[in-house]
C-alpha atoms as a PDB file:
ATOM      1  CA  MET A   1     126.854 150.015 420.107  1.00  0.00           C
ATOM      2  CA  SER A   2     127.201 153.790 420.327  1.00  0.00           C
ATOM      3  CA  THR A   3     125.286 156.463 418.489  1.00  0.00           C
ATOM      4  CA  THR A   4     128.359 157.067 416.337  1.00  0.00           C
ATOM      5  CA  ASP A   5     128.550 153.382 415.450  1.00  0.00           C
ATOM      6  CA  ASP A   6     124.836 153.396 414.591  1.00  0.00           C
ATOM      7  CA  ALA A   7     125.304 156.439 412.358  1.00  0.00           C
ATOM      8  CA  LEU A   8     128.297 154.874 410.597  1.00  0.00           C
ATOM      9  CA  ALA A   9     126.371 151.640 410.063  1.00  0.00           C
ATOM     10  CA  GLY A  10     123.491 153.652 408.578  1.00  0.00           C
ATOM     11  CA  VAL A  11     125.852 155.499 406.245  1.00  0.00           C
ATOM     12  CA  GLU A  12     127.474 152.240 405.125  1.00  0.00           C
ATOM     13  CA  ALA A  13     124.066 150.661 404.517  1.00  0.00           C
ATOM     14  CA  ALA A  14     122.996 153.672 402.441  1.00  0.00           C
ATOM     15  CA  ARG A  15     126.282 153.558 400.509  1.00  0.00           C
ATOM     16  CA  ALA A  16     125.723 149.847 399.765  1.00  0.00           C
ATOM     17  CA  ARG A  17     122.167 150.554 398.526  1.00  0.00           C
ATOM     18  CA  VAL A  18     123.420 153.329 396.250  1.00  0.00           C
ATOM     19  CA  ALA A  19     126.187 151.101 394.890  1.00  0.00           C
ATOM     20  CA  ALA A  20     123.612 148.373 394.149  1.00  0.00           C
ATOM     21  CA  GLN A  21     121.341 150.878 392.396  1.00  0.00           C
ATOM     22  CA  ILE A  22     124.241 152.155 390.299  1.00  0.00           C
ATOM     23  CA  SER A  23     125.160 148.602 389.340  1.00  0.00           C
ATOM     24  CA  GLN A  24     121.558 147.863 388.334  1.00  0.00           C
ATOM     25  CA  ALA A  25     121.358 151.069 386.296  1.00  0.00           C
ATOM     26  CA  GLU A  26     124.606 150.246 384.495  1.00  0.00           C
ATOM     27  CA  ALA A  27     123.294 146.763 383.682  1.00  0.00           C
ATOM     28  CA  ARG A  28     120.035 148.258 382.316  1.00  0.00           C
ATOM     29  CA  ARG A  29     122.013 150.758 380.264  1.00  0.00           C
ATOM     30  CA  ALA A  30     124.155 147.995 378.768  1.00  0.00           C
ATOM     31  CA  GLY A  31     120.996 145.993 378.003  1.00  0.00           C
ATOM     32  CA  ILE A  32     119.382 148.961 376.287  1.00  0.00           C
ATOM     33  CA  HIS A  33     122.490 149.549 374.151  1.00  0.00           C
ATOM     34  CA  ALA A  34     122.517 145.864 373.190  1.00  0.00           C
ATOM     35  CA  LEU A  35     118.811 146.082 372.314  1.00  0.00           C
ATOM     36  CA  ALA A  36     119.427 149.171 370.163  1.00  0.00           C
ATOM     37  CA  ASP A  37     122.225 147.365 368.328  1.00  0.00           C
ATOM     38  CA  GLU A  38     119.976 144.363 367.774  1.00  0.00           C
ATOM     39  CA  ILE A  39     117.101 146.487 366.489  1.00  0.00           C
ATOM     40  CA  ARG A  40     119.474 148.187 364.041  1.00  0.00           C
ATOM     41  CA  THR A  41     120.228 144.773 362.508  1.00  0.00           C
ATOM     42  CA  LEU A  42     116.603 143.597 362.241  1.00  0.00           C
ATOM     43  CA  SER A  43     115.027 143.433 358.822  1.00  0.00           C
ATOM     44  CA  ALA A  44     111.874 142.059 357.275  1.00  0.00           C
ATOM     45  CA  THR A  45     111.454 140.675 353.792  1.00  0.00           C
ATOM     46  CA  VAL A  46     108.002 140.583 352.211  1.00  0.00           C
ATOM     47  CA  SER A  47     107.007 139.105 348.872  1.00  0.00           C
ATOM     48  CA  SER A  48     103.862 139.765 346.885  1.00  0.00           C
ATOM     49  CA  THR A  49     101.499 136.819 346.581  1.00  0.00           C
ATOM     50  CA  ARG A  50     102.713 135.648 343.168  1.00  0.00           C
ATOM     51  CA  GLY A  51     106.329 136.712 343.703  1.00  0.00           C
ATOM     52  CA  GLU A  52     106.272 139.714 341.415  1.00  0.00           C
ATOM     53  CA  VAL A  53     107.983 141.914 344.018  1.00  0.00           C
ATOM     54  CA  GLN A  54     110.142 141.173 347.066  1.00  0.00           C
ATOM     55  CA  VAL A  55     111.155 143.983 349.439  1.00  0.00           C
ATOM     56  CA  THR A  56     113.487 144.039 352.439  1.00  0.00           C
ATOM     57  CA  ALA A  57     113.131 146.871 354.972  1.00  0.00           C
ATOM     58  CA  LEU A  58     114.673 147.954 358.267  1.00  0.00           C
ATOM     59  CA  PRO A  59     112.623 149.038 361.310  1.00  0.00           C
ATOM     60  CA  GLY A  60     113.231 152.735 360.643  1.00  0.00           C
ATOM     61  CA  GLY A  61     111.643 152.359 357.210  1.00  0.00           C
ATOM     62  CA  ARG A  62     114.803 152.207 355.104  1.00  0.00           C
ATOM     63  CA  ILE A  63     114.486 149.864 352.131  1.00  0.00           C
ATOM     64  CA  THR A  64     117.567 147.713 351.560  1.00  0.00           C
ATOM     65  CA  ALA A  65     116.391 145.665 348.590  1.00  0.00           C
ATOM     66  CA  VAL A  66     113.669 145.545 345.962  1.00  0.00           C
ATOM     67  CA  VAL A  67     113.658 142.529 343.669  1.00  0.00           C
ATOM     68  CA  PHE A  68     111.268 141.994 340.777  1.00  0.00           C
ATOM     69  CA  GLY A  69     110.476 138.413 339.836  1.00  0.00           C
ATOM     70  CA  SER A  70     109.685 137.226 336.333  1.00  0.00           C
ATOM     71  CA  ALA A  71     105.949 137.375 337.152  1.00  0.00           C
ATOM     72  CA  ALA A  72     106.300 141.172 337.272  1.00  0.00           C
ATOM     73  CA  GLU A  73     106.649 141.191 333.482  1.00  0.00           C
ATOM     74  CA  SER A  74     103.003 140.176 333.116  1.00  0.00           C
ATOM     75  CA  LEU A  75     101.769 143.315 334.919  1.00  0.00           C
ATOM     76  CA  ASP A  76     101.128 146.708 333.379  1.00  0.00           C
ATOM     77  CA  ALA A  77     103.121 149.613 334.801  1.00  0.00           C
ATOM     78  CA  ALA A  78     100.300 150.954 337.004  1.00  0.00           C
ATOM     79  CA  SER A  79      99.587 147.547 338.570  1.00  0.00           C
ATOM     80  CA  LEU A  80     103.278 146.883 339.150  1.00  0.00           C
ATOM     81  CA  SER A  81     103.713 150.315 340.722  1.00  0.00           C
ATOM     82  CA  THR A  82     100.780 149.757 343.084  1.00  0.00           C
ATOM     83  CA  LEU A  83     101.974 146.258 343.970  1.00  0.00           C
ATOM     84  CA  ALA A  84     105.534 147.465 344.591  1.00  0.00           C
ATOM     85  CA  THR A  85     104.277 150.294 346.800  1.00  0.00           C
ATOM     86  CA  ARG A  86     102.084 147.936 348.821  1.00  0.00           C
ATOM     87  CA  THR A  87     104.944 145.464 349.250  1.00  0.00           C
ATOM     88  CA  VAL A  88     107.278 148.248 350.415  1.00  0.00           C
ATOM     89  CA  VAL A  89     104.723 149.416 352.996  1.00  0.00           C
ATOM     90  CA  GLU A  90     104.148 145.868 354.246  1.00  0.00           C
ATOM     91  CA  ALA A  91     107.905 145.262 354.612  1.00  0.00           C
ATOM     92  CA  GLN A  92     108.343 148.540 356.498  1.00  0.00           C
ATOM     93  CA  GLN A  93     105.439 147.713 358.799  1.00  0.00           C
ATOM     94  CA  ARG A  94     106.683 144.198 359.456  1.00  0.00           C
ATOM     95  CA  ALA A  95     110.195 145.456 360.270  1.00  0.00           C
ATOM     96  CA  ALA A  96     108.804 148.111 362.628  1.00  0.00           C
ATOM     97  CA  ASN A  97     106.589 145.552 364.348  1.00  0.00           C
ATOM     98  CA  LEU A  98     109.587 143.235 364.787  1.00  0.00           C
ATOM     99  CA  ALA A  99     111.391 146.054 366.589  1.00  0.00           C
ATOM    100  CA  VAL A 100     108.413 146.577 368.905  1.00  0.00           C
ATOM    101  CA  GLU A 101     108.198 142.843 369.618  1.00  0.00           C
ATOM    102  CA  ARG A 102     111.912 142.602 370.392  1.00  0.00           C
ATOM    103  CA  ALA A 103     111.797 145.662 372.655  1.00  0.00           C
ATOM    104  CA  ALA A 104     108.783 144.201 374.505  1.00  0.00           C
ATOM    105  CA  GLU A 105     110.659 140.927 375.011  1.00  0.00           C
ATOM    106  CA  ALA A 106     113.717 142.719 376.360  1.00  0.00           C
ATOM    107  CA  LEU A 107     112.107 145.471 378.427  1.00  0.00           C
ATOM    108  CA  GLY A 108     108.648 144.116 379.157  1.00  0.00           C
ATOM    109  CA  PRO A 109     105.435 144.887 377.278  1.00  0.00           C
ATOM    110  CA  ASP A 110     104.473 147.706 379.660  1.00  0.00           C
ATOM    111  CA  ALA A 111     107.816 149.536 379.575  1.00  0.00           C
ATOM    112  CA  PRO A 112     107.457 153.244 378.698  1.00  0.00           C
ATOM    113  CA  PHE A 113     109.909 152.923 375.786  1.00  0.00           C
ATOM    114  CA  VAL A 114     107.891 150.035 374.328  1.00  0.00           C
ATOM    115  CA  ALA A 115     104.667 152.019 374.641  1.00  0.00           C
ATOM    116  CA  ARG A 116     106.251 154.995 372.864  1.00  0.00           C
ATOM    117  CA  LEU A 117     107.690 152.789 370.130  1.00  0.00           C
ATOM    118  CA  ARG A 118     104.350 151.023 369.689  1.00  0.00           C
ATOM    119  CA  SER A 119     102.516 154.353 369.320  1.00  0.00           C
ATOM    120  CA  GLU A 120     105.071 155.639 366.799  1.00  0.00           C
ATOM    121  CA  VAL A 121     104.732 152.472 364.731  1.00  0.00           C
ATOM    122  CA  ALA A 122     100.919 152.662 364.846  1.00  0.00           C
ATOM    123  CA  VAL A 123     101.014 156.089 363.191  1.00  0.00           C
ATOM    124  CA  TYR A 124     102.609 154.577 360.092  1.00  0.00           C
ATOM    125  CA  GLN A 125     100.327 151.551 359.678  1.00  0.00           C
ATOM    126  CA  ALA A 126      98.584 151.722 356.295  1.00  0.00           C
ATOM    127  CA  PRO A 127      94.816 151.659 356.558  1.00  0.00           C
ATOM    128  CA  ALA A 128      93.056 148.693 354.965  1.00  0.00           C
ATOM    129  CA  GLY A 129      91.997 149.362 351.403  1.00  0.00           C
ATOM    130  CA  GLU A 130      94.534 152.152 350.885  1.00  0.00           C
ATOM    131  CA  PHE A 131      95.701 150.632 347.605  1.00  0.00           C
ATOM    132  CA  ARG A 132      93.480 150.996 344.568  1.00  0.00           C
ATOM    133  CA  ASP A 133      93.795 147.644 342.817  1.00  0.00           C
ATOM    134  CA  GLY A 134      92.855 145.512 345.857  1.00  0.00           C
ATOM    135  CA  ARG A 135      95.827 143.142 345.566  1.00  0.00           C
END
């Protein structure tokens, strides 16, 4: 084999490696788009203990439904307001945590995107005892 043949073989090997890397990157990109679509469709529904309030939320915090059960009629306005607020926060947190879990499953728990998402979600976690009535 000549020096020219060796050089051509090296170029072809490099070209094959680059093509493989491009293919892998395109597959990762498609997977990330599919994950983003899936996360957009996730939701979490949380009900208060006695069913006074039921809330459905999306990972970004958007509330898609708030339903008051008949047990809500037995509460005064302040208690119902506090309970509704707590249930909204819990639904938002659960939806956000579902998104983190799904991203960790798809990308791996140590992926930089998962770490960033996890830290963003942690900022919005309500501290224990934040609600006055203790429900």
